[in-house]
Amino acid sequence: AFAERTDGDFSEGAFLQSVMPTFGVGREREDCLRAGVRRVGSPPARGVGRYGFDPGAHLTEASPLASLASRDALLSQWGYYWGEAGLERPLLLEKTPTNMLTARLLQSLFA
């Protein structure tokens, strides 16, 4: 549903919110191109997936972002893209790949 309601190629929910930092998907490709790296993964310190090795990217329930204000902001920002009936559904999904590193924070906000 996100892709249907965005004006550009920003269908990843990470780019449609201002609460959590953006890293990884999309951001890394741009960083590599700016640095002149044309082949993904070369050099090893750059490229798709490097955010997985950054301890600062692992957001948990201990993060300062684990607050009611963060939850409300995410619901407001993502809620627009889920649509009017979205919040009434039994399951809401935001499938940005970087969520594997922020899942504990997201769980603390919405569980």
C-alpha atoms as a PDB file:
ATOM      1  CA  ALA A   1       0.000   0.000   0.000  1.00  0.00           C
ATOM      2  CA  PHE A   2       2.915   2.358   0.645  1.00  0.00           C
ATOM      3  CA  ALA A   3       4.017   2.333  -3.000  1.00  0.00           C
ATOM      4  CA  GLU A   4       0.534   3.268  -4.162  1.00  0.00           C
ATOM      5  CA  ARG A   5       0.466   6.385  -2.005  1.00  0.00           C
ATOM      6  CA  THR A   6       3.973   7.785  -2.510  1.00  0.00           C
ATOM      7  CA  ASP A   7       5.114  10.241  -5.156  1.00  0.00           C
ATOM      8  CA  GLY A   8       8.479   8.620  -5.807  1.00  0.00           C
ATOM      9  CA  ASP A   9      10.501   5.509  -5.212  1.00  0.00           C
ATOM     10  CA  PHE A  10      10.164   5.744  -1.468  1.00  0.00           C
ATOM     11  CA  SER A  11       8.054   2.662  -0.878  1.00  0.00           C
ATOM     12  CA  GLU A  12      10.226   1.608   2.070  1.00  0.00           C
ATOM     13  CA  GLY A  13       8.612   2.828   5.260  1.00  0.00           C
ATOM     14  CA  ALA A  14      12.005   3.849   6.649  1.00  0.00           C
ATOM     15  CA  PHE A  15      11.956   6.781   4.226  1.00  0.00           C
ATOM     16  CA  LEU A  16       8.387   7.735   5.129  1.00  0.00           C
ATOM     17  CA  GLN A  17       8.994   8.549   8.774  1.00  0.00           C
ATOM     18  CA  SER A  18      11.163  10.893  10.828  1.00  0.00           C
ATOM     19  CA  VAL A  19      11.471   8.978  14.116  1.00  0.00           C
ATOM     20  CA  MET A  20      14.161   6.378  13.435  1.00  0.00           C
ATOM     21  CA  PRO A  21      17.401   7.014  11.559  1.00  0.00           C
ATOM     22  CA  THR A  22      17.507   5.888   7.942  1.00  0.00           C
ATOM     23  CA  PHE A  23      20.306   3.559   6.992  1.00  0.00           C
ATOM     24  CA  GLY A  24      20.820   0.669   4.671  1.00  0.00           C
ATOM     25  CA  VAL A  25      18.484   0.178   1.724  1.00  0.00           C
ATOM     26  CA  GLY A  26      18.680   3.094  -0.683  1.00  0.00           C
ATOM     27  CA  ARG A  27      21.001   5.127   1.522  1.00  0.00           C
ATOM     28  CA  GLU A  28      23.992   2.789   1.033  1.00  0.00           C
ATOM     29  CA  ARG A  29      23.670   2.764  -2.742  1.00  0.00           C
ATOM     30  CA  GLU A  30      23.824   6.543  -2.815  1.00  0.00           C
ATOM     31  CA  ASP A  31      26.813   6.586  -0.446  1.00  0.00           C
ATOM     32  CA  CYS A  32      28.671   4.087  -2.673  1.00  0.00           C
ATOM     33  CA  LEU A  33      27.979   6.063  -5.838  1.00  0.00           C
ATOM     34  CA  ARG A  34      29.182   9.288  -4.179  1.00  0.00           C
ATOM     35  CA  ALA A  35      32.374   7.507  -3.088  1.00  0.00           C
ATOM     36  CA  GLY A  36      32.970   6.210  -6.616  1.00  0.00           C
ATOM     37  CA  VAL A  37      32.327   2.562  -5.693  1.00  0.00           C
ATOM     38  CA  ARG A  38      30.644   0.928  -8.685  1.00  0.00           C
ATOM     39  CA  ARG A  39      30.518  -2.685  -7.518  1.00  0.00           C
ATOM     40  CA  VAL A  40      28.375  -3.535  -4.511  1.00  0.00           C
ATOM     41  CA  GLY A  41      30.470  -4.865  -1.658  1.00  0.00           C
ATOM     42  CA  SER A  42      33.732  -3.385  -2.903  1.00  0.00           C
ATOM     43  CA  PRO A  43      35.582  -2.348  -0.785  1.00  0.00           C
ATOM     44  CA  PRO A  44      34.283  -4.489   2.112  1.00  0.00           C
ATOM     45  CA  ALA A  45      33.668  -1.466   4.345  1.00  0.00           C
ATOM     46  CA  ARG A  46      31.096  -0.131   1.860  1.00  0.00           C
ATOM     47  CA  GLY A  47      28.079  -1.550   0.140  1.00  0.00           C
ATOM     48  CA  VAL A  48      24.679  -3.015   0.670  1.00  0.00           C
ATOM     49  CA  GLY A  49      24.290  -4.633   4.066  1.00  0.00           C
ATOM     50  CA  ARG A  50      27.113  -2.882   5.907  1.00  0.00           C
ATOM     51  CA  TYR A  51      24.575  -1.309   8.271  1.00  0.00           C
ATOM     52  CA  GLY A  52      24.109  -4.786   9.768  1.00  0.00           C
ATOM     53  CA  PHE A  53      27.571  -4.527  11.310  1.00  0.00           C
ATOM     54  CA  ASP A  54      27.020  -1.070  12.806  1.00  0.00           C
ATOM     55  CA  PRO A  55      26.238  -1.361  16.539  1.00  0.00           C
ATOM     56  CA  GLY A  56      24.496   2.024  16.352  1.00  0.00           C
ATOM     57  CA  ALA A  57      21.950   0.592  13.925  1.00  0.00           C
ATOM     58  CA  HIS A  58      20.696  -2.000  16.437  1.00  0.00           C
ATOM     59  CA  LEU A  59      17.796  -0.222  18.113  1.00  0.00           C
ATOM     60  CA  THR A  60      16.181  -1.975  21.076  1.00  0.00           C
ATOM     61  CA  GLU A  61      13.712  -1.307  23.869  1.00  0.00           C
ATOM     62  CA  ALA A  62      16.601   0.438  25.688  1.00  0.00           C
ATOM     63  CA  SER A  63      16.803   3.118  22.984  1.00  0.00           C
ATOM     64  CA  PRO A  64      15.792   6.684  23.858  1.00  0.00           C
ATOM     65  CA  LEU A  65      13.387   6.309  20.922  1.00  0.00           C
ATOM     66  CA  ALA A  66      11.306   3.809  22.940  1.00  0.00           C
ATOM     67  CA  SER A  67       8.667   6.328  23.979  1.00  0.00           C
ATOM     68  CA  LEU A  68       4.977   7.067  23.535  1.00  0.00           C
ATOM     69  CA  ALA A  69       5.925  10.126  21.485  1.00  0.00           C
ATOM     70  CA  SER A  70       7.863   7.925  19.027  1.00  0.00           C
ATOM     71  CA  ARG A  71       4.995   5.452  18.800  1.00  0.00           C
ATOM     72  CA  ASP A  72       2.463   8.200  18.157  1.00  0.00           C
ATOM     73  CA  ALA A  73       4.680   9.822  15.516  1.00  0.00           C
ATOM     74  CA  LEU A  74       5.226   6.514  13.677  1.00  0.00           C
ATOM     75  CA  LEU A  75       1.519   5.695  13.757  1.00  0.00           C
ATOM     76  CA  SER A  76       0.730   9.133  12.399  1.00  0.00           C
ATOM     77  CA  GLN A  77       3.372   9.057   9.661  1.00  0.00           C
ATOM     78  CA  TRP A  78       2.888   5.444   8.545  1.00  0.00           C
ATOM     79  CA  GLY A  79      -0.867   5.582   9.177  1.00  0.00           C
ATOM     80  CA  TYR A  80      -1.326   7.866   6.200  1.00  0.00           C
ATOM     81  CA  TYR A  81       0.097   5.186   3.924  1.00  0.00           C
ATOM     82  CA  TRP A  82      -1.895   2.362   5.502  1.00  0.00           C
ATOM     83  CA  GLY A  83      -5.037   4.313   4.637  1.00  0.00           C
ATOM     84  CA  GLU A  84      -8.230   5.050   6.520  1.00  0.00           C
ATOM     85  CA  ALA A  85      -9.042   1.419   7.321  1.00  0.00           C
ATOM     86  CA  GLY A  86      -5.419   0.549   8.100  1.00  0.00           C
ATOM     87  CA  LEU A  87      -5.443   1.021  11.853  1.00  0.00           C
ATOM     88  CA  GLU A  88      -8.567  -1.126  12.158  1.00  0.00           C
ATOM     89  CA  ARG A  89      -6.867  -4.136  10.574  1.00  0.00           C
ATOM     90  CA  PRO A  90      -5.690  -6.952  12.854  1.00  0.00           C
ATOM     91  CA  LEU A  91      -2.152  -6.766  11.450  1.00  0.00           C
ATOM     92  CA  LEU A  92      -0.103  -3.811  10.238  1.00  0.00           C
ATOM     93  CA  LEU A  93       3.056  -4.503   8.270  1.00  0.00           C
ATOM     94  CA  GLU A  94       6.063  -2.322   7.553  1.00  0.00           C
ATOM     95  CA  LYS A  95       8.592  -4.475   5.724  1.00  0.00           C
ATOM     96  CA  THR A  96      11.711  -2.331   5.367  1.00  0.00           C
ATOM     97  CA  PRO A  97      14.722  -4.703   5.436  1.00  0.00           C
ATOM     98  CA  THR A  98      16.468  -2.623   8.095  1.00  0.00           C
ATOM     99  CA  ASN A  99      13.651  -3.533  10.499  1.00  0.00           C
ATOM    100  CA  MET A 100      15.593  -6.702  11.291  1.00  0.00           C
ATOM    101  CA  LEU A 101      17.836  -4.386  13.319  1.00  0.00           C
ATOM    102  CA  THR A 102      15.058  -2.273  14.801  1.00  0.00           C
ATOM    103  CA  ALA A 103      12.540  -5.061  15.502  1.00  0.00           C
ATOM    104  CA  ARG A 104      13.062  -4.951  19.261  1.00  0.00           C
ATOM    105  CA  LEU A 105      12.412  -1.211  19.311  1.00  0.00           C
ATOM    106  CA  LEU A 106       9.336  -1.595  17.115  1.00  0.00           C
ATOM    107  CA  GLN A 107       8.065  -4.418  19.323  1.00  0.00           C
ATOM    108  CA  SER A 108       8.478  -2.255  22.415  1.00  0.00           C
ATOM    109  CA  LEU A 109       6.531   0.543  20.734  1.00  0.00           C
ATOM    110  CA  PHE A 110       3.634  -1.499  19.390  1.00  0.00           C
ATOM    111  CA  ALA A 111       3.338  -4.702  21.451  1.00  0.00           C
END
